[in-house]
Amino acid sequence: MICLFASIEEYFGVLYHELVHSTGHPSRLNRVGVLESHKFASEIYGKEGLIAGMGAGYLNNLTGILDQNLPEISAAYIQNWLNELRNDKYLLIEAASKAQKAVDYILVEPPF
């Protein structure tokens, strides 16, 4: 079996990131960044990436699946999008709110 992750913590970090993205589907939380395809590094793509990165961090913390590298990796990912979107003074609050809604959805709603 080929392992693409250096650790189980990295695996769950990616899983949580993608799980947060999945909550944006129209039948779930209906986020603009998930409704249709957007160009990489576009504003909408960046905002959705920021939401997923923050939500994954919340889930990592909630589940206790952390190692010394994950906070640094998550922070670097989030910082990249913040740099791209630095002109939006409400971005961080909006992204944090949407990330929390995604996590709440994941924890409360059945997966299917």
PDB file of N, CA and C in Angstrom:
ATOM      1  N   MET A   1       0.843  -1.173   0.000  1.00  0.00           N
ATOM      2  CA  MET A   1       0.000   0.000   0.000  1.00  0.00           C
ATOM      3  C   MET A   1       0.891   1.239   0.000  1.00  0.00           C
ATOM      4  N   ILE A   2       0.568   2.193  -0.833  1.00  0.00           N
ATOM      5  CA  ILE A   2       1.329   3.434  -0.915  1.00  0.00           C
ATOM      6  C   ILE A   2       0.674   4.471   0.001  1.00  0.00           C
ATOM      7  N   CYS A   3       1.489   5.097   0.824  1.00  0.00           N
ATOM      8  CA  CYS A   3       0.982   6.131   1.727  1.00  0.00           C
ATOM      9  C   CYS A   3       1.423   7.502   1.200  1.00  0.00           C
ATOM     10  N   LEU A   4       0.468   8.366   0.964  1.00  0.00           N
ATOM     11  CA  LEU A   4       0.768   9.690   0.431  1.00  0.00           C
ATOM     12  C   LEU A   4       0.940  10.732   1.527  1.00  0.00           C
ATOM     13  N   PHE A   5       0.774  10.333   2.768  1.00  0.00           N
ATOM     14  CA  PHE A   5       0.865  11.256   3.894  1.00  0.00           C
ATOM     15  C   PHE A   5       1.976  10.803   4.837  1.00  0.00           C
ATOM     16  N   ALA A   6       2.696  11.766   5.359  1.00  0.00           N
ATOM     17  CA  ALA A   6       3.808  11.460   6.267  1.00  0.00           C
ATOM     18  C   ALA A   6       3.311  10.999   7.629  1.00  0.00           C
ATOM     19  N   SER A   7       2.074  11.343   7.962  1.00  0.00           N
ATOM     20  CA  SER A   7       1.530  10.960   9.263  1.00  0.00           C
ATOM     21  C   SER A   7       0.013  10.889   9.196  1.00  0.00           C
ATOM     22  N   ILE A   8      -0.572  10.233  10.158  1.00  0.00           N
ATOM     23  CA  ILE A   8      -2.030  10.163  10.246  1.00  0.00           C
ATOM     24  C   ILE A   8      -2.609  11.550  10.495  1.00  0.00           C
ATOM     25  N   GLU A   9      -1.872  12.394  11.199  1.00  0.00           N
ATOM     26  CA  GLU A   9      -2.320  13.762  11.456  1.00  0.00           C
ATOM     27  C   GLU A   9      -2.436  14.563  10.164  1.00  0.00           C
ATOM     28  N   GLU A  10      -1.476  14.387   9.263  1.00  0.00           N
ATOM     29  CA  GLU A  10      -1.543  15.073   7.974  1.00  0.00           C
ATOM     30  C   GLU A  10      -2.727  14.576   7.156  1.00  0.00           C
ATOM     31  N   TYR A  11      -2.978  13.279   7.211  1.00  0.00           N
ATOM     32  CA  TYR A  11      -4.130  12.716   6.508  1.00  0.00           C
ATOM     33  C   TYR A  11      -5.425  13.367   6.988  1.00  0.00           C
ATOM     34  N   PHE A  12      -5.612  13.411   8.304  1.00  0.00           N
ATOM     35  CA  PHE A  12      -6.839  13.995   8.832  1.00  0.00           C
ATOM     36  C   PHE A  12      -6.907  15.500   8.565  1.00  0.00           C
ATOM     37  N   GLY A  13      -5.785  16.179   8.540  1.00  0.00           N
ATOM     38  CA  GLY A  13      -5.782  17.599   8.194  1.00  0.00           C
ATOM     39  C   GLY A  13      -6.353  17.839   6.806  1.00  0.00           C
ATOM     40  N   VAL A  14      -5.946  17.019   5.849  1.00  0.00           N
ATOM     41  CA  VAL A  14      -6.445  17.138   4.472  1.00  0.00           C
ATOM     42  C   VAL A  14      -7.907  16.693   4.409  1.00  0.00           C
ATOM     43  N   LEU A  15      -8.224  15.601   5.096  1.00  0.00           N
ATOM     44  CA  LEU A  15      -9.611  15.124   5.124  1.00  0.00           C
ATOM     45  C   LEU A  15     -10.548  16.208   5.653  1.00  0.00           C
ATOM     46  N   TYR A  16     -10.176  16.843   6.760  1.00  0.00           N
ATOM     47  CA  TYR A  16     -11.017  17.890   7.344  1.00  0.00           C
ATOM     48  C   TYR A  16     -11.143  19.088   6.405  1.00  0.00           C
ATOM     49  N   HIS A  17     -10.052  19.451   5.752  1.00  0.00           N
ATOM     50  CA  HIS A  17     -10.072  20.555   4.796  1.00  0.00           C
ATOM     51  C   HIS A  17     -11.109  20.282   3.700  1.00  0.00           C
ATOM     52  N   GLU A  18     -11.050  19.094   3.118  1.00  0.00           N
ATOM     53  CA  GLU A  18     -11.973  18.741   2.042  1.00  0.00           C
ATOM     54  C   GLU A  18     -13.398  18.577   2.559  1.00  0.00           C
ATOM     55  N   LEU A  19     -13.541  18.085   3.773  1.00  0.00           N
ATOM     56  CA  LEU A  19     -14.861  17.955   4.379  1.00  0.00           C
ATOM     57  C   LEU A  19     -15.517  19.322   4.552  1.00  0.00           C
ATOM     58  N   VAL A  20     -14.733  20.315   4.967  1.00  0.00           N
ATOM     59  CA  VAL A  20     -15.271  21.674   5.090  1.00  0.00           C
ATOM     60  C   VAL A  20     -15.694  22.188   3.716  1.00  0.00           C
ATOM     61  N   HIS A  21     -14.877  21.946   2.686  1.00  0.00           N
ATOM     62  CA  HIS A  21     -15.288  22.340   1.331  1.00  0.00           C
ATOM     63  C   HIS A  21     -16.647  21.724   0.986  1.00  0.00           C
ATOM     64  N   SER A  22     -16.846  20.468   1.355  1.00  0.00           N
ATOM     65  CA  SER A  22     -18.086  19.772   0.973  1.00  0.00           C
ATOM     66  C   SER A  22     -19.327  20.410   1.586  1.00  0.00           C
ATOM     67  N   THR A  23     -19.180  21.120   2.666  1.00  0.00           N
ATOM     68  CA  THR A  23     -20.350  21.754   3.295  1.00  0.00           C
ATOM     69  C   THR A  23     -20.862  22.948   2.485  1.00  0.00           C
ATOM     70  N   GLY A  24     -20.102  23.404   1.521  1.00  0.00           N
ATOM     71  CA  GLY A  24     -20.518  24.542   0.711  1.00  0.00           C
ATOM     72  C   GLY A  24     -21.485  24.186  -0.410  1.00  0.00           C
ATOM     73  N   HIS A  25     -21.703  22.896  -0.617  1.00  0.00           N
ATOM     74  CA  HIS A  25     -22.620  22.438  -1.672  1.00  0.00           C
ATOM     75  C   HIS A  25     -23.994  23.098  -1.512  1.00  0.00           C
ATOM     76  N   PRO A  26     -24.698  23.348  -2.637  1.00  0.00           N
ATOM     77  CA  PRO A  26     -26.013  24.000  -2.567  1.00  0.00           C
ATOM     78  C   PRO A  26     -27.021  23.299  -1.645  1.00  0.00           C
ATOM     79  N   SER A  27     -26.915  21.994  -1.501  1.00  0.00           N
ATOM     80  CA  SER A  27     -27.851  21.275  -0.635  1.00  0.00           C
ATOM     81  C   SER A  27     -27.448  21.340   0.835  1.00  0.00           C
ATOM     82  N   ARG A  28     -26.309  21.984   1.102  1.00  0.00           N
ATOM     83  CA  ARG A  28     -25.843  22.097   2.478  1.00  0.00           C
ATOM     84  C   ARG A  28     -25.843  23.569   2.870  1.00  0.00           C
ATOM     85  N   LEU A  29     -24.671  24.211   2.936  1.00  0.00           N
ATOM     86  CA  LEU A  29     -24.599  25.611   3.366  1.00  0.00           C
ATOM     87  C   LEU A  29     -24.574  26.599   2.200  1.00  0.00           C
ATOM     88  N   ASN A  30     -24.472  26.088   0.982  1.00  0.00           N
ATOM     89  CA  ASN A  30     -24.655  26.908  -0.220  1.00  0.00           C
ATOM     90  C   ASN A  30     -23.684  28.094  -0.307  1.00  0.00           C
ATOM     91  N   ARG A  31     -22.373  27.821  -0.203  1.00  0.00           N
ATOM     92  CA  ARG A  31     -21.375  28.885  -0.322  1.00  0.00           C
ATOM     93  C   ARG A  31     -21.028  29.122  -1.788  1.00  0.00           C
ATOM     94  N   VAL A  32     -20.831  30.372  -2.146  1.00  0.00           N
ATOM     95  CA  VAL A  32     -20.531  30.777  -3.516  1.00  0.00           C
ATOM     96  C   VAL A  32     -19.271  30.097  -4.053  1.00  0.00           C
ATOM     97  N   GLY A  33     -18.267  29.925  -3.239  1.00  0.00           N
ATOM     98  CA  GLY A  33     -17.007  29.354  -3.701  1.00  0.00           C
ATOM     99  C   GLY A  33     -17.074  27.898  -4.090  1.00  0.00           C
ATOM    100  N   VAL A  34     -18.184  27.236  -3.817  1.00  0.00           N
ATOM    101  CA  VAL A  34     -18.346  25.819  -4.125  1.00  0.00           C
ATOM    102  C   VAL A  34     -19.364  25.585  -5.235  1.00  0.00           C
ATOM    103  N   LEU A  35     -20.186  26.562  -5.503  1.00  0.00           N
ATOM    104  CA  LEU A  35     -21.294  26.390  -6.439  1.00  0.00           C
ATOM    105  C   LEU A  35     -20.851  26.133  -7.871  1.00  0.00           C
ATOM    106  N   GLU A  36     -19.745  26.710  -8.280  1.00  0.00           N
ATOM    107  CA  GLU A  36     -19.265  26.527  -9.644  1.00  0.00           C
ATOM    108  C   GLU A  36     -17.750  26.623  -9.648  1.00  0.00           C
ATOM    109  N   SER A  37     -17.151  26.267 -10.752  1.00  0.00           N
ATOM    110  CA  SER A  37     -15.703  26.284 -10.875  1.00  0.00           C
ATOM    111  C   SER A  37     -15.179  27.721 -10.922  1.00  0.00           C
ATOM    112  N   HIS A  38     -14.111  27.962 -10.195  1.00  0.00           N
ATOM    113  CA  HIS A  38     -13.486  29.281 -10.188  1.00  0.00           C
ATOM    114  C   HIS A  38     -11.994  29.129 -10.455  1.00  0.00           C
ATOM    115  N   LYS A  39     -11.439  30.102 -11.112  1.00  0.00           N
ATOM    116  CA  LYS A  39     -10.015  30.102 -11.442  1.00  0.00           C
ATOM    117  C   LYS A  39      -9.176  30.083 -10.168  1.00  0.00           C
ATOM    118  N   PHE A  40      -8.116  29.248 -10.172  1.00  0.00           N
ATOM    119  CA  PHE A  40      -7.195  29.203  -9.041  1.00  0.00           C
ATOM    120  C   PHE A  40      -6.666  30.610  -8.776  1.00  0.00           C
ATOM    121  N   ALA A  41      -6.603  30.969  -7.503  1.00  0.00           N
ATOM    122  CA  ALA A  41      -6.116  32.266  -7.029  1.00  0.00           C
ATOM    123  C   ALA A  41      -7.093  33.408  -7.278  1.00  0.00           C
ATOM    124  N   SER A  42      -8.307  33.090  -7.757  1.00  0.00           N
ATOM    125  CA  SER A  42      -9.305  34.141  -7.860  1.00  0.00           C
ATOM    126  C   SER A  42      -9.774  34.493  -6.454  1.00  0.00           C
ATOM    127  N   GLU A  43     -10.457  35.601  -6.318  1.00  0.00           N
ATOM    128  CA  GLU A  43     -10.926  36.037  -5.008  1.00  0.00           C
ATOM    129  C   GLU A  43     -11.887  35.018  -4.383  1.00  0.00           C
ATOM    130  N   ILE A  44     -12.819  34.535  -5.166  1.00  0.00           N
ATOM    131  CA  ILE A  44     -13.796  33.567  -4.646  1.00  0.00           C
ATOM    132  C   ILE A  44     -13.098  32.265  -4.250  1.00  0.00           C
ATOM    133  N   TYR A  45     -12.201  31.797  -5.078  1.00  0.00           N
ATOM    134  CA  TYR A  45     -11.434  30.578  -4.784  1.00  0.00           C
ATOM    135  C   TYR A  45     -10.641  30.767  -3.491  1.00  0.00           C
ATOM    136  N   GLY A  46     -10.029  31.931  -3.353  1.00  0.00           N
ATOM    137  CA  GLY A  46      -9.231  32.226  -2.159  1.00  0.00           C
ATOM    138  C   GLY A  46     -10.067  32.271  -0.898  1.00  0.00           C
ATOM    139  N   LYS A  47     -11.225  32.876  -0.971  1.00  0.00           N
ATOM    140  CA  LYS A  47     -12.103  32.940   0.203  1.00  0.00           C
ATOM    141  C   LYS A  47     -12.550  31.547   0.629  1.00  0.00           C
ATOM    142  N   GLU A  48     -12.912  30.713  -0.331  1.00  0.00           N
ATOM    143  CA  GLU A  48     -13.318  29.349  -0.002  1.00  0.00           C
ATOM    144  C   GLU A  48     -12.144  28.560   0.577  1.00  0.00           C
ATOM    145  N   GLY A  49     -10.963  28.778   0.037  1.00  0.00           N
ATOM    146  CA  GLY A  49      -9.775  28.119   0.579  1.00  0.00           C
ATOM    147  C   GLY A  49      -9.493  28.541   2.014  1.00  0.00           C
ATOM    148  N   LEU A  50      -9.688  29.802   2.292  1.00  0.00           N
ATOM    149  CA  LEU A  50      -9.495  30.320   3.645  1.00  0.00           C
ATOM    150  C   LEU A  50     -10.508  29.700   4.608  1.00  0.00           C
ATOM    151  N   ILE A  51     -11.756  29.603   4.185  1.00  0.00           N
ATOM    152  CA  ILE A  51     -12.796  28.983   5.010  1.00  0.00           C
ATOM    153  C   ILE A  51     -12.430  27.524   5.306  1.00  0.00           C
ATOM    154  N   ALA A  52     -12.028  26.795   4.278  1.00  0.00           N
ATOM    155  CA  ALA A  52     -11.673  25.383   4.459  1.00  0.00           C
ATOM    156  C   ALA A  52     -10.448  25.223   5.361  1.00  0.00           C
ATOM    157  N   GLY A  53      -9.471  26.095   5.196  1.00  0.00           N
ATOM    158  CA  GLY A  53      -8.282  26.031   6.039  1.00  0.00           C
ATOM    159  C   GLY A  53      -8.592  26.304   7.501  1.00  0.00           C
ATOM    160  N   MET A  54      -9.417  27.301   7.736  1.00  0.00           N
ATOM    161  CA  MET A  54      -9.788  27.627   9.111  1.00  0.00           C
ATOM    162  C   MET A  54     -10.663  26.519   9.709  1.00  0.00           C
ATOM    163  N   GLY A  55     -11.621  26.037   8.947  1.00  0.00           N
ATOM    164  CA  GLY A  55     -12.481  24.962   9.439  1.00  0.00           C
ATOM    165  C   GLY A  55     -11.696  23.704   9.754  1.00  0.00           C
ATOM    166  N   ALA A  56     -10.731  23.370   8.917  1.00  0.00           N
ATOM    167  CA  ALA A  56      -9.883  22.200   9.178  1.00  0.00           C
ATOM    168  C   ALA A  56      -9.105  22.392  10.478  1.00  0.00           C
ATOM    169  N   GLY A  57      -8.628  23.604  10.695  1.00  0.00           N
ATOM    170  CA  GLY A  57      -7.931  23.886  11.953  1.00  0.00           C
ATOM    171  C   GLY A  57      -8.837  23.707  13.155  1.00  0.00           C
ATOM    172  N   TYR A  58     -10.079  24.163  13.045  1.00  0.00           N
ATOM    173  CA  TYR A  58     -11.052  23.982  14.135  1.00  0.00           C
ATOM    174  C   TYR A  58     -11.272  22.496  14.399  1.00  0.00           C
ATOM    175  N   LEU A  59     -11.461  21.712  13.321  1.00  0.00           N
ATOM    176  CA  LEU A  59     -11.717  20.278  13.484  1.00  0.00           C
ATOM    177  C   LEU A  59     -10.503  19.553  14.043  1.00  0.00           C
ATOM    178  N   ASN A  60      -9.312  19.930  13.596  1.00  0.00           N
ATOM    179  CA  ASN A  60      -8.102  19.330  14.166  1.00  0.00           C
ATOM    180  C   ASN A  60      -8.050  19.571  15.664  1.00  0.00           C
ATOM    181  N   ASN A  61      -8.349  20.784  16.065  1.00  0.00           N
ATOM    182  CA  ASN A  61      -8.323  21.121  17.482  1.00  0.00           C
ATOM    183  C   ASN A  61      -9.405  20.360  18.254  1.00  0.00           C
ATOM    184  N   LEU A  62     -10.615  20.323  17.712  1.00  0.00           N
ATOM    185  CA  LEU A  62     -11.726  19.632  18.384  1.00  0.00           C
ATOM    186  C   LEU A  62     -11.458  18.148  18.581  1.00  0.00           C
ATOM    187  N   THR A  63     -10.842  17.523  17.594  1.00  0.00           N
ATOM    188  CA  THR A  63     -10.600  16.085  17.667  1.00  0.00           C
ATOM    189  C   THR A  63      -9.273  15.747  18.336  1.00  0.00           C
ATOM    190  N   GLY A  64      -8.467  16.752  18.599  1.00  0.00           N
ATOM    191  CA  GLY A  64      -7.166  16.504  19.231  1.00  0.00           C
ATOM    192  C   GLY A  64      -6.152  15.891  18.284  1.00  0.00           C
ATOM    193  N   ILE A  65      -6.436  15.954  16.999  1.00  0.00           N
ATOM    194  CA  ILE A  65      -5.509  15.405  16.005  1.00  0.00           C
ATOM    195  C   ILE A  65      -4.560  16.511  15.585  1.00  0.00           C
ATOM    196  N   LEU A  66      -3.552  16.681  16.373  1.00  0.00           N
ATOM    197  CA  LEU A  66      -2.556  17.721  16.119  1.00  0.00           C
ATOM    198  C   LEU A  66      -1.159  17.146  16.289  1.00  0.00           C
ATOM    199  N   ASP A  67      -0.262  17.610  15.504  1.00  0.00           N
ATOM    200  CA  ASP A  67       1.143  17.359  15.756  1.00  0.00           C
ATOM    201  C   ASP A  67       1.875  18.681  15.604  1.00  0.00           C
ATOM    202  N   GLN A  68       3.146  18.683  15.827  1.00  0.00           N
ATOM    203  CA  GLN A  68       3.876  19.948  15.829  1.00  0.00           C
ATOM    204  C   GLN A  68       3.896  20.643  14.471  1.00  0.00           C
ATOM    205  N   ASN A  69       3.690  19.916  13.381  1.00  0.00           N
ATOM    206  CA  ASN A  69       3.750  20.523  12.050  1.00  0.00           C
ATOM    207  C   ASN A  69       2.420  21.100  11.574  1.00  0.00           C
ATOM    208  N   LEU A  70       1.290  20.559  12.036  1.00  0.00           N
ATOM    209  CA  LEU A  70      -0.003  20.990  11.510  1.00  0.00           C
ATOM    210  C   LEU A  70      -0.314  22.458  11.743  1.00  0.00           C
ATOM    211  N   PRO A  71      -0.122  23.002  12.940  1.00  0.00           N
ATOM    212  CA  PRO A  71      -0.408  24.431  13.095  1.00  0.00           C
ATOM    213  C   PRO A  71       0.412  25.301  12.142  1.00  0.00           C
ATOM    214  N   GLU A  72       1.658  24.932  11.946  1.00  0.00           N
ATOM    215  CA  GLU A  72       2.517  25.705  11.037  1.00  0.00           C
ATOM    216  C   GLU A  72       2.040  25.592   9.589  1.00  0.00           C
ATOM    217  N   ILE A  73       1.677  24.388   9.170  1.00  0.00           N
ATOM    218  CA  ILE A  73       1.176  24.175   7.804  1.00  0.00           C
ATOM    219  C   ILE A  73      -0.131  24.929   7.607  1.00  0.00           C
ATOM    220  N   SER A  74      -1.063  24.799   8.560  1.00  0.00           N
ATOM    221  CA  SER A  74      -2.353  25.489   8.463  1.00  0.00           C
ATOM    222  C   SER A  74      -2.162  26.996   8.456  1.00  0.00           C
ATOM    223  N   ALA A  75      -1.302  27.486   9.323  1.00  0.00           N
ATOM    224  CA  ALA A  75      -1.068  28.934   9.398  1.00  0.00           C
ATOM    225  C   ALA A  75      -0.483  29.456   8.083  1.00  0.00           C
ATOM    226  N   ALA A  76       0.434  28.706   7.492  1.00  0.00           N
ATOM    227  CA  ALA A  76       1.037  29.130   6.225  1.00  0.00           C
ATOM    228  C   ALA A  76      -0.015  29.147   5.112  1.00  0.00           C
ATOM    229  N   TYR A  77      -0.872  28.149   5.088  1.00  0.00           N
ATOM    230  CA  TYR A  77      -1.931  28.083   4.079  1.00  0.00           C
ATOM    231  C   TYR A  77      -2.878  29.270   4.235  1.00  0.00           C
ATOM    232  N   ILE A  78      -3.324  29.513   5.454  1.00  0.00           N
ATOM    233  CA  ILE A  78      -4.237  30.618   5.724  1.00  0.00           C
ATOM    234  C   ILE A  78      -3.568  31.949   5.419  1.00  0.00           C
ATOM    235  N   GLN A  79      -2.307  32.110   5.806  1.00  0.00           N
ATOM    236  CA  GLN A  79      -1.588  33.357   5.561  1.00  0.00           C
ATOM    237  C   GLN A  79      -1.471  33.648   4.071  1.00  0.00           C
ATOM    238  N   ASN A  80      -1.288  32.613   3.275  1.00  0.00           N
ATOM    239  CA  ASN A  80      -1.204  32.787   1.828  1.00  0.00           C
ATOM    240  C   ASN A  80      -2.478  33.440   1.298  1.00  0.00           C
ATOM    241  N   TRP A  81      -3.651  32.957   1.714  1.00  0.00           N
ATOM    242  CA  TRP A  81      -4.898  33.533   1.224  1.00  0.00           C
ATOM    243  C   TRP A  81      -5.133  34.911   1.813  1.00  0.00           C
ATOM    244  N   LEU A  82      -4.735  35.131   3.049  1.00  0.00           N
ATOM    245  CA  LEU A  82      -4.885  36.465   3.627  1.00  0.00           C
ATOM    246  C   LEU A  82      -4.051  37.486   2.853  1.00  0.00           C
ATOM    247  N   ASN A  83      -2.856  37.087   2.437  1.00  0.00           N
ATOM    248  CA  ASN A  83      -2.020  37.983   1.634  1.00  0.00           C
ATOM    249  C   ASN A  83      -2.689  38.302   0.302  1.00  0.00           C
ATOM    250  N   GLU A  84      -3.316  37.287  -0.293  1.00  0.00           N
ATOM    251  CA  GLU A  84      -3.982  37.481  -1.575  1.00  0.00           C
ATOM    252  C   GLU A  84      -5.193  38.405  -1.444  1.00  0.00           C
ATOM    253  N   LEU A  85      -5.835  38.375  -0.302  1.00  0.00           N
ATOM    254  CA  LEU A  85      -7.110  39.064  -0.116  1.00  0.00           C
ATOM    255  C   LEU A  85      -7.025  40.177   0.921  1.00  0.00           C
ATOM    256  N   ARG A  86      -5.864  40.764   1.091  1.00  0.00           N
ATOM    257  CA  ARG A  86      -5.618  41.713   2.195  1.00  0.00           C
ATOM    258  C   ARG A  86      -6.434  43.013   2.122  1.00  0.00           C
ATOM    259  N   ASN A  87      -7.038  43.325   1.029  1.00  0.00           N
ATOM    260  CA  ASN A  87      -7.804  44.566   0.920  1.00  0.00           C
ATOM    261  C   ASN A  87      -9.217  44.462   1.495  1.00  0.00           C
ATOM    262  N   ASP A  88      -9.632  43.276   1.884  1.00  0.00           N
ATOM    263  CA  ASP A  88     -10.972  43.064   2.426  1.00  0.00           C
ATOM    264  C   ASP A  88     -10.890  43.064   3.948  1.00  0.00           C
ATOM    265  N   LYS A  89     -11.314  44.159   4.576  1.00  0.00           N
ATOM    266  CA  LYS A  89     -11.143  44.288   6.026  1.00  0.00           C
ATOM    267  C   LYS A  89     -12.088  43.397   6.829  1.00  0.00           C
ATOM    268  N   TYR A  90     -13.114  42.842   6.189  1.00  0.00           N
ATOM    269  CA  TYR A  90     -14.045  41.957   6.888  1.00  0.00           C
ATOM    270  C   TYR A  90     -13.785  40.482   6.597  1.00  0.00           C
ATOM    271  N   LEU A  91     -12.773  40.220   5.791  1.00  0.00           N
ATOM    272  CA  LEU A  91     -12.497  38.867   5.323  1.00  0.00           C
ATOM    273  C   LEU A  91     -12.315  37.872   6.462  1.00  0.00           C
ATOM    274  N   LEU A  92     -11.491  38.182   7.407  1.00  0.00           N
ATOM    275  CA  LEU A  92     -11.182  37.235   8.469  1.00  0.00           C
ATOM    276  C   LEU A  92     -12.422  36.903   9.302  1.00  0.00           C
ATOM    277  N   ILE A  93     -13.207  37.903   9.633  1.00  0.00           N
ATOM    278  CA  ILE A  93     -14.420  37.669  10.419  1.00  0.00           C
ATOM    279  C   ILE A  93     -15.416  36.837   9.616  1.00  0.00           C
ATOM    280  N   GLU A  94     -15.604  37.183   8.354  1.00  0.00           N
ATOM    281  CA  GLU A  94     -16.529  36.430   7.509  1.00  0.00           C
ATOM    282  C   GLU A  94     -16.068  34.983   7.338  1.00  0.00           C
ATOM    283  N   ALA A  95     -14.786  34.794   7.066  1.00  0.00           N
ATOM    284  CA  ALA A  95     -14.259  33.443   6.870  1.00  0.00           C
ATOM    285  C   ALA A  95     -14.361  32.627   8.154  1.00  0.00           C
ATOM    286  N   ALA A  96     -14.052  33.231   9.294  1.00  0.00           N
ATOM    287  CA  ALA A  96     -14.141  32.520  10.571  1.00  0.00           C
ATOM    288  C   ALA A  96     -15.583  32.105  10.852  1.00  0.00           C
ATOM    289  N   SER A  97     -16.517  32.983  10.564  1.00  0.00           N
ATOM    290  CA  SER A  97     -17.928  32.678  10.771  1.00  0.00           C
ATOM    291  C   SER A  97     -18.385  31.529   9.875  1.00  0.00           C
ATOM    292  N   LYS A  98     -18.012  31.573   8.610  1.00  0.00           N
ATOM    293  CA  LYS A  98     -18.410  30.515   7.681  1.00  0.00           C
ATOM    294  C   LYS A  98     -17.719  29.196   8.013  1.00  0.00           C
ATOM    295  N   ALA A  99     -16.471  29.270   8.479  1.00  0.00           N
ATOM    296  CA  ALA A  99     -15.758  28.060   8.888  1.00  0.00           C
ATOM    297  C   ALA A  99     -16.447  27.431  10.097  1.00  0.00           C
ATOM    298  N   GLN A 100     -16.867  28.254  11.038  1.00  0.00           N
ATOM    299  CA  GLN A 100     -17.559  27.726  12.215  1.00  0.00           C
ATOM    300  C   GLN A 100     -18.900  27.110  11.829  1.00  0.00           C
ATOM    301  N   LYS A 101     -19.623  27.739  10.902  1.00  0.00           N
ATOM    302  CA  LYS A 101     -20.893  27.174  10.431  1.00  0.00           C
ATOM    303  C   LYS A 101     -20.658  25.823   9.757  1.00  0.00           C
ATOM    304  N   ALA A 102     -19.578  25.710   9.004  1.00  0.00           N
ATOM    305  CA  ALA A 102     -19.245  24.443   8.351  1.00  0.00           C
ATOM    306  C   ALA A 102     -18.956  23.362   9.397  1.00  0.00           C
ATOM    307  N   VAL A 103     -18.173  23.716  10.404  1.00  0.00           N
ATOM    308  CA  VAL A 103     -17.848  22.756  11.459  1.00  0.00           C
ATOM    309  C   VAL A 103     -19.118  22.349  12.203  1.00  0.00           C
ATOM    310  N   ASP A 104     -19.958  23.303  12.524  1.00  0.00           N
ATOM    311  CA  ASP A 104     -21.225  22.988  13.192  1.00  0.00           C
ATOM    312  C   ASP A 104     -22.062  22.040  12.339  1.00  0.00           C
ATOM    313  N   TYR A 105     -22.094  22.287  11.039  1.00  0.00           N
ATOM    314  CA  TYR A 105     -22.840  21.424  10.128  1.00  0.00           C
ATOM    315  C   TYR A 105     -22.267  20.009  10.149  1.00  0.00           C
ATOM    316  N   ILE A 106     -20.963  19.899  10.081  1.00  0.00           N
ATOM    317  CA  ILE A 106     -20.295  18.596  10.082  1.00  0.00           C
ATOM    318  C   ILE A 106     -20.608  17.835  11.370  1.00  0.00           C
ATOM    319  N   LEU A 107     -20.601  18.525  12.480  1.00  0.00           N
ATOM    320  CA  LEU A 107     -20.793  17.873  13.769  1.00  0.00           C
ATOM    321  C   LEU A 107     -22.249  17.515  14.048  1.00  0.00           C
ATOM    322  N   VAL A 108     -23.187  18.200  13.400  1.00  0.00           N
ATOM    323  CA  VAL A 108     -24.611  18.002  13.704  1.00  0.00           C
ATOM    324  C   VAL A 108     -25.335  17.198  12.637  1.00  0.00           C
ATOM    325  N   GLU A 109     -25.077  17.490  11.368  1.00  0.00           N
ATOM    326  CA  GLU A 109     -25.800  16.843  10.280  1.00  0.00           C
ATOM    327  C   GLU A 109     -25.190  15.477   9.966  1.00  0.00           C
ATOM    328  N   PRO A 110     -26.039  14.514   9.569  1.00  0.00           N
ATOM    329  CA  PRO A 110     -25.493  13.231   9.135  1.00  0.00           C
ATOM    330  C   PRO A 110     -24.713  13.409   7.829  1.00  0.00           C
ATOM    331  N   PRO A 111     -23.685  12.616   7.593  1.00  0.00           N
ATOM    332  CA  PRO A 111     -22.852  12.806   6.391  1.00  0.00           C
ATOM    333  C   PRO A 111     -23.583  12.567   5.081  1.00  0.00           C
ATOM    334  N   PHE A 112     -24.666  11.786   5.080  1.00  0.00           N
ATOM    335  CA  PHE A 112     -25.377  11.503   3.816  1.00  0.00           C
ATOM    336  C   PHE A 112     -26.858  11.636   4.021  1.00  0.00           C
TER     337      PHE A 112
END
